[in-house]
């Protein structure tokens, strides 16, 4: 899937006023994101794509992933070739 904010997958936003739409477009141009902005006064605003782009560009590291669980009958990760229950799992 193409990256959000690229030519193949532009961010899509809906705002109620022209000045707010201009601010969104200026923000996207500053970050070199492609955006499609619709001005619809009678619809609720939708800025979710911009929120995703801003969260991703803030330099925040992704959430840490949990290490895969080792089952008793899986091979031991120490490299001994034994089953975990007969190797490192025993006290």
N, C-alpha and C. Protein backbone atom coordinates (compact mmCIF):
# COMPACT_ATOMS: atom_id res chain seq x y z
N UNK A 1 0.84 -1.16 0.00
CA UNK A 1 0.00 0.00 0.00
C UNK A 1 0.90 1.24 0.00
N UNK A 2 0.47 2.23 -0.71
CA UNK A 2 1.23 3.47 -0.82
C UNK A 2 1.19 4.24 0.50
N UNK A 3 2.22 5.04 0.72
CA UNK A 3 2.34 5.83 1.94
C UNK A 3 1.32 6.98 1.93
N UNK A 4 0.71 7.20 3.07
CA UNK A 4 -0.26 8.29 3.20
C UNK A 4 0.44 9.62 2.96
N UNK A 5 -0.18 10.47 2.15
CA UNK A 5 0.39 11.78 1.83
C UNK A 5 1.22 11.77 0.56
N UNK A 6 1.26 10.63 -0.14
CA UNK A 6 2.02 10.54 -1.39
C UNK A 6 1.09 10.79 -2.58
N UNK A 7 1.65 10.79 -3.78
CA UNK A 7 0.85 11.00 -4.99
C UNK A 7 -0.20 9.90 -5.16
N UNK A 8 0.17 8.67 -4.83
CA UNK A 8 -0.74 7.55 -5.02
C UNK A 8 -1.80 7.47 -3.92
N UNK A 9 -1.52 8.03 -2.75
CA UNK A 9 -2.47 7.99 -1.64
C UNK A 9 -2.47 9.34 -0.91
N UNK A 10 -3.08 10.35 -1.49
CA UNK A 10 -3.09 11.66 -0.82
C UNK A 10 -3.98 11.64 0.42
N UNK A 11 -3.66 12.52 1.35
CA UNK A 11 -4.50 12.69 2.52
C UNK A 11 -5.80 13.38 2.09
N UNK A 12 -6.90 12.94 2.64
CA UNK A 12 -8.20 13.52 2.30
C UNK A 12 -8.77 14.16 3.56
N UNK A 13 -9.09 15.45 3.46
CA UNK A 13 -9.65 16.17 4.61
C UNK A 13 -10.92 16.89 4.18
N UNK A 14 -11.79 17.11 5.18
CA UNK A 14 -13.02 17.86 4.94
C UNK A 14 -13.10 18.93 6.02
N UNK A 15 -13.22 20.17 5.58
CA UNK A 15 -13.32 21.29 6.51
C UNK A 15 -14.58 22.09 6.19
N UNK A 16 -14.93 22.98 7.11
CA UNK A 16 -16.15 23.76 6.93
C UNK A 16 -15.90 25.14 6.31
N UNK A 17 -14.69 25.69 6.48
CA UNK A 17 -14.43 27.05 6.00
C UNK A 17 -13.21 27.09 5.10
N UNK A 18 -13.19 28.07 4.24
CA UNK A 18 -12.08 28.27 3.31
C UNK A 18 -10.77 28.61 4.03
N UNK A 19 -10.77 29.49 5.05
CA UNK A 19 -9.50 29.78 5.73
C UNK A 19 -8.88 28.55 6.39
N UNK A 20 -9.69 27.71 6.97
CA UNK A 20 -9.16 26.49 7.60
C UNK A 20 -8.59 25.56 6.52
N UNK A 21 -9.27 25.47 5.38
CA UNK A 21 -8.77 24.67 4.27
C UNK A 21 -7.43 25.17 3.78
N UNK A 22 -7.27 26.49 3.70
CA UNK A 22 -6.00 27.07 3.27
C UNK A 22 -4.88 26.75 4.26
N UNK A 23 -5.20 26.77 5.56
CA UNK A 23 -4.19 26.43 6.58
C UNK A 23 -3.75 24.97 6.44
N UNK A 24 -4.71 24.08 6.18
CA UNK A 24 -4.38 22.66 6.03
C UNK A 24 -3.51 22.46 4.80
N UNK A 25 -3.85 23.09 3.70
CA UNK A 25 -3.07 22.96 2.48
C UNK A 25 -1.66 23.52 2.68
N UNK A 26 -1.54 24.65 3.38
CA UNK A 26 -0.22 25.22 3.64
C UNK A 26 0.62 24.30 4.52
N UNK A 27 0.00 23.68 5.52
CA UNK A 27 0.71 22.74 6.38
C UNK A 27 1.22 21.55 5.56
N UNK A 28 0.37 21.05 4.68
CA UNK A 28 0.75 19.90 3.86
C UNK A 28 1.86 20.26 2.87
N UNK A 29 1.81 21.47 2.32
CA UNK A 29 2.88 21.90 1.41
C UNK A 29 4.20 22.04 2.16
N UNK A 30 4.14 22.50 3.39
CA UNK A 30 5.34 22.65 4.21
C UNK A 30 6.03 21.30 4.43
N UNK A 31 5.21 20.25 4.62
CA UNK A 31 5.76 18.90 4.87
C UNK A 31 5.87 18.07 3.60
N UNK A 32 5.54 18.65 2.44
CA UNK A 32 5.60 17.97 1.14
C UNK A 32 4.64 16.77 1.09
N UNK A 33 3.45 16.94 1.67
CA UNK A 33 2.42 15.91 1.62
C UNK A 33 1.42 16.30 0.55
N UNK A 34 0.87 15.32 -0.12
CA UNK A 34 -0.20 15.56 -1.08
C UNK A 34 -1.53 15.47 -0.32
N UNK A 35 -2.44 16.40 -0.63
CA UNK A 35 -3.70 16.45 0.10
C UNK A 35 -4.84 16.82 -0.84
N UNK A 36 -6.00 16.29 -0.55
CA UNK A 36 -7.24 16.69 -1.22
C UNK A 36 -8.12 17.28 -0.12
N UNK A 37 -8.39 18.58 -0.24
CA UNK A 37 -9.18 19.28 0.78
C UNK A 37 -10.54 19.64 0.21
N UNK A 38 -11.58 19.21 0.89
CA UNK A 38 -12.93 19.55 0.49
C UNK A 38 -13.54 20.52 1.49
N UNK A 39 -14.21 21.53 0.98
CA UNK A 39 -14.86 22.51 1.85
C UNK A 39 -16.36 22.24 1.78
N UNK A 40 -16.89 21.72 2.87
CA UNK A 40 -18.30 21.36 2.94
C UNK A 40 -18.88 21.92 4.24
N UNK A 41 -19.52 23.10 4.19
CA UNK A 41 -20.02 23.75 5.39
C UNK A 41 -21.09 22.97 6.15
N UNK A 42 -21.82 22.10 5.45
CA UNK A 42 -22.91 21.39 6.10
C UNK A 42 -22.52 20.00 6.61
N UNK A 43 -21.25 19.62 6.47
CA UNK A 43 -20.77 18.31 6.91
C UNK A 43 -19.80 18.47 8.09
N UNK A 44 -19.65 17.46 8.94
CA UNK A 44 -18.66 17.55 10.02
C UNK A 44 -17.24 17.49 9.45
N UNK A 45 -16.33 18.15 10.14
CA UNK A 45 -14.93 18.16 9.69
C UNK A 45 -14.29 16.79 9.90
N UNK A 46 -13.40 16.44 8.99
CA UNK A 46 -12.67 15.18 9.09
C UNK A 46 -11.19 15.47 8.81
N UNK A 47 -10.39 15.48 9.87
CA UNK A 47 -8.96 15.75 9.76
C UNK A 47 -8.14 14.53 10.19
N UNK A 48 -8.73 13.36 10.13
CA UNK A 48 -8.06 12.16 10.64
C UNK A 48 -6.78 11.83 9.87
N UNK A 49 -6.75 12.03 8.55
CA UNK A 49 -5.54 11.75 7.78
C UNK A 49 -4.40 12.69 8.18
N UNK A 50 -4.73 13.95 8.43
CA UNK A 50 -3.70 14.91 8.85
C UNK A 50 -3.18 14.54 10.23
N UNK A 51 -4.07 14.11 11.12
CA UNK A 51 -3.64 13.67 12.45
C UNK A 51 -2.66 12.50 12.34
N UNK A 52 -2.96 11.55 11.47
CA UNK A 52 -2.06 10.41 11.28
C UNK A 52 -0.70 10.86 10.75
N UNK A 53 -0.71 11.77 9.79
CA UNK A 53 0.55 12.25 9.24
C UNK A 53 1.37 13.01 10.28
N UNK A 54 0.70 13.84 11.07
CA UNK A 54 1.42 14.61 12.10
C UNK A 54 1.96 13.70 13.19
N UNK A 55 1.23 12.68 13.56
CA UNK A 55 1.71 11.75 14.57
C UNK A 55 2.92 10.97 14.07
N UNK A 56 2.89 10.60 12.79
CA UNK A 56 4.00 9.85 12.21
C UNK A 56 5.24 10.69 11.99
N UNK A 57 5.08 11.99 11.76
CA UNK A 57 6.24 12.83 11.46
C UNK A 57 6.83 13.47 12.71
N UNK A 58 6.26 13.21 13.87
CA UNK A 58 6.73 13.85 15.10
C UNK A 58 8.01 13.21 15.61
N UNK A 59 8.46 12.16 14.96
CA UNK A 59 9.68 11.51 15.38
C UNK A 59 9.48 10.56 16.54
N UNK A 60 8.23 10.25 16.82
CA UNK A 60 7.96 9.32 17.91
C UNK A 60 8.28 7.91 17.46
N UNK A 61 8.98 7.16 18.29
CA UNK A 61 9.25 5.78 17.91
C UNK A 61 7.96 4.97 17.96
N UNK A 62 7.86 3.94 17.15
CA UNK A 62 6.65 3.12 17.21
C UNK A 62 6.55 2.41 18.56
N UNK A 63 5.35 2.03 18.91
CA UNK A 63 5.13 1.35 20.18
C UNK A 63 5.93 0.04 20.20
N UNK A 64 6.55 -0.29 21.33
CA UNK A 64 7.33 -1.52 21.39
C UNK A 64 6.44 -2.74 21.24
N UNK A 65 6.97 -3.73 20.56
CA UNK A 65 6.22 -4.96 20.37
C UNK A 65 6.66 -5.97 21.42
N UNK A 66 5.72 -6.77 21.85
CA UNK A 66 6.03 -7.81 22.83
C UNK A 66 6.85 -8.90 22.15
N UNK A 67 7.80 -9.45 22.89
CA UNK A 67 8.61 -10.54 22.35
C UNK A 67 7.71 -11.76 22.13
N UNK A 68 7.99 -12.52 21.09
CA UNK A 68 7.15 -13.70 20.86
C UNK A 68 7.27 -14.68 22.02
N UNK A 69 6.17 -15.26 22.40
CA UNK A 69 6.16 -16.19 23.51
C UNK A 69 6.73 -17.52 23.08
N UNK A 70 7.45 -18.15 23.97
CA UNK A 70 8.03 -19.46 23.70
C UNK A 70 7.18 -20.50 24.39
N UNK A 71 6.67 -21.43 23.61
CA UNK A 71 5.88 -22.51 24.19
C UNK A 71 6.78 -23.59 24.75
N UNK A 72 6.23 -24.41 25.62
CA UNK A 72 7.03 -25.47 26.24
C UNK A 72 7.57 -26.45 25.21
N UNK A 73 6.83 -26.67 24.13
CA UNK A 73 7.26 -27.64 23.13
C UNK A 73 7.99 -27.02 21.94
N UNK A 74 8.28 -25.73 22.02
CA UNK A 74 9.09 -25.09 20.98
C UNK A 74 10.56 -25.37 21.27
N UNK A 75 11.37 -25.25 20.22
CA UNK A 75 12.80 -25.43 20.43
C UNK A 75 13.34 -24.25 21.23
N UNK A 76 14.32 -24.52 22.07
CA UNK A 76 14.88 -23.51 22.96
C UNK A 76 15.62 -22.44 22.16
N UNK A 77 15.43 -21.16 22.49
CA UNK A 77 16.10 -20.08 21.76
C UNK A 77 17.60 -20.00 22.04
N UNK A 78 18.11 -20.78 23.01
CA UNK A 78 19.54 -20.73 23.30
C UNK A 78 20.37 -21.43 22.23
N UNK A 79 19.69 -22.22 21.37
CA UNK A 79 20.40 -22.86 20.27
C UNK A 79 20.88 -24.26 20.57
N UNK A 80 20.45 -24.83 21.68
CA UNK A 80 20.92 -26.17 22.06
C UNK A 80 20.30 -27.27 21.19
N UNK A 81 19.18 -27.00 20.56
CA UNK A 81 18.49 -28.00 19.77
C UNK A 81 17.50 -28.80 20.59
N UNK A 82 17.42 -28.55 21.88
CA UNK A 82 16.48 -29.26 22.76
C UNK A 82 15.17 -28.49 22.82
N UNK A 83 14.14 -29.17 23.28
CA UNK A 83 12.87 -28.51 23.53
C UNK A 83 13.04 -27.57 24.73
N UNK A 84 12.31 -26.47 24.71
CA UNK A 84 12.42 -25.49 25.79
C UNK A 84 12.13 -26.10 27.16
N UNK A 85 11.15 -27.01 27.24
CA UNK A 85 10.79 -27.58 28.53
C UNK A 85 11.91 -28.45 29.11
N UNK A 86 12.80 -28.95 28.27
CA UNK A 86 13.91 -29.79 28.74
C UNK A 86 15.23 -29.04 28.81
N UNK A 87 15.20 -27.77 28.51
CA UNK A 87 16.46 -27.00 28.49
C UNK A 87 16.40 -25.84 29.49
N UNK A 88 16.12 -24.66 29.02
CA UNK A 88 16.18 -23.47 29.85
C UNK A 88 14.95 -23.27 30.72
N UNK A 89 13.86 -23.96 30.46
CA UNK A 89 12.64 -23.78 31.27
C UNK A 89 12.74 -24.48 32.61
N UNK A 90 13.62 -25.45 32.72
CA UNK A 90 13.74 -26.19 33.98
C UNK A 90 14.58 -25.39 34.96
N UNK A 91 14.14 -25.31 36.19
CA UNK A 91 14.90 -24.51 37.17
C UNK A 91 16.16 -25.20 37.64
